[in-house]
Amino acid sequence: MNEVLNVKVDRMSRLENGSKLKAFCDLVFGDLFFVKGFRVVEGEKGLFIGMPQQKGSNGKWYNIFTPATKELAEYLKEVMLDAYKHNAE
């Protein structure tokens, strides 16, 4: 899938504050556009990726980016978690 999309991590900012939020991440899609604000979060079942969100006027948070397919979601998760793990070394 990377050959088609050419997704790269543009920035990975790790947080070392002991919270469940471990890092923020920005992705570049095919050198055409980038999406800021992905989150690496420690959950009960391990690390997962939180989508970029914006707070609505009602106080609730809404995703502003959602992968169109399950396969794309898994691929993006793999790209970001791989970068997160390599960033720790």
Protein backbone atom coordinates (compact mmCIF):
# COMPACT_ATOMS: atom_id res chain seq x y z
CA MET A 1 0.00 0.00 0.00
CA ASN A 2 2.91 2.38 0.66
CA GLU A 3 3.82 2.30 -3.04
CA VAL A 4 0.39 3.70 -3.88
CA LEU A 5 0.02 6.24 -1.06
CA ASN A 6 3.65 7.02 -0.18
CA VAL A 7 2.74 7.90 3.42
CA LYS A 8 5.57 9.19 5.60
CA VAL A 9 5.81 10.41 9.16
CA ASP A 10 6.71 14.11 9.00
CA ARG A 11 6.99 14.71 12.74
CA MET A 12 6.88 12.53 15.85
CA SER A 13 6.86 14.36 19.18
CA ARG A 14 7.18 11.98 22.11
CA LEU A 15 5.77 12.90 25.51
CA GLU A 16 7.64 11.64 28.56
CA ASN A 17 5.18 12.77 31.22
CA GLY A 18 3.84 9.42 32.40
CA SER A 19 0.39 9.91 30.84
CA LYS A 20 -1.41 7.53 28.49
CA LEU A 21 -0.76 9.98 25.64
CA LYS A 22 2.67 8.95 24.36
CA ALA A 23 3.22 11.08 21.24
CA PHE A 24 1.79 13.38 18.60
CA CYS A 25 2.41 12.56 14.95
CA ASP A 26 1.96 14.31 11.58
CA LEU A 27 1.74 12.38 8.29
CA VAL A 28 2.58 13.39 4.71
CA PHE A 29 0.52 11.77 1.94
CA GLY A 30 2.40 11.47 -1.34
CA ASP A 31 4.17 14.82 -0.92
CA LEU A 32 0.78 16.39 -1.75
CA PHE A 33 -0.71 17.19 1.64
CA PHE A 34 -0.18 16.49 5.30
CA VAL A 35 -2.44 15.79 8.25
CA LYS A 36 -1.45 17.01 11.70
CA GLY A 37 -2.51 15.79 15.10
CA PHE A 38 -2.49 11.99 15.16
CA ARG A 39 -1.92 10.64 18.67
CA VAL A 40 -0.12 7.54 19.95
CA VAL A 41 -1.97 6.39 23.07
CA GLU A 42 -1.33 3.59 25.58
CA GLY A 43 -4.55 1.65 26.07
CA GLU A 44 -5.50 -1.45 28.03
CA LYS A 45 -4.57 -3.64 25.04
CA GLY A 46 -1.38 -1.78 24.09
CA LEU A 47 -0.61 1.15 21.83
CA PHE A 48 -3.23 2.53 19.47
CA ILE A 49 -3.59 5.53 17.18
CA GLY A 50 -6.01 8.36 17.86
CA MET A 51 -7.23 10.35 14.87
CA PRO A 52 -6.86 14.14 14.71
CA GLN A 53 -9.79 15.79 16.45
CA GLN A 54 -11.47 19.16 16.80
CA LYS A 55 -13.66 20.30 19.65
CA GLY A 56 -17.20 21.15 18.59
CA SER A 57 -19.29 24.03 19.91
CA ASN A 58 -21.13 21.48 22.08
CA GLY A 59 -17.88 20.58 23.90
CA LYS A 60 -17.57 17.14 22.29
CA TRP A 61 -14.51 16.05 20.30
CA TYR A 62 -14.94 14.96 16.67
CA ASN A 63 -12.50 13.18 14.36
CA ILE A 64 -11.48 15.43 11.47
CA PHE A 65 -9.73 12.61 9.59
CA THR A 66 -11.09 9.09 9.14
CA PRO A 67 -9.55 6.38 6.93
CA ALA A 68 -12.03 5.17 4.30
CA THR A 69 -11.22 1.48 4.75
CA LYS A 70 -10.15 -0.87 7.52
CA GLU A 71 -7.05 -1.74 5.48
CA LEU A 72 -6.00 1.90 5.27
CA ALA A 73 -6.57 2.35 9.01
CA GLU A 74 -4.35 -0.66 9.75
CA TYR A 75 -1.69 0.56 7.34
CA LEU A 76 -1.58 4.04 8.92
CA LYS A 77 -1.42 2.47 12.38
CA GLU A 78 1.54 0.33 11.26
CA VAL A 79 3.38 3.35 9.79
CA MET A 80 2.91 5.48 12.91
CA LEU A 81 3.66 2.78 15.49
CA ASP A 82 6.78 1.74 13.58
CA ALA A 83 7.98 5.36 13.62
CA TYR A 84 7.12 5.64 17.32
CA LYS A 85 9.11 2.52 18.20
CA HIS A 86 12.11 3.58 16.07
CA ASN A 87 11.96 7.07 17.57
CA ALA A 88 12.52 5.50 21.00
CA GLU A 89 15.87 4.00 19.97
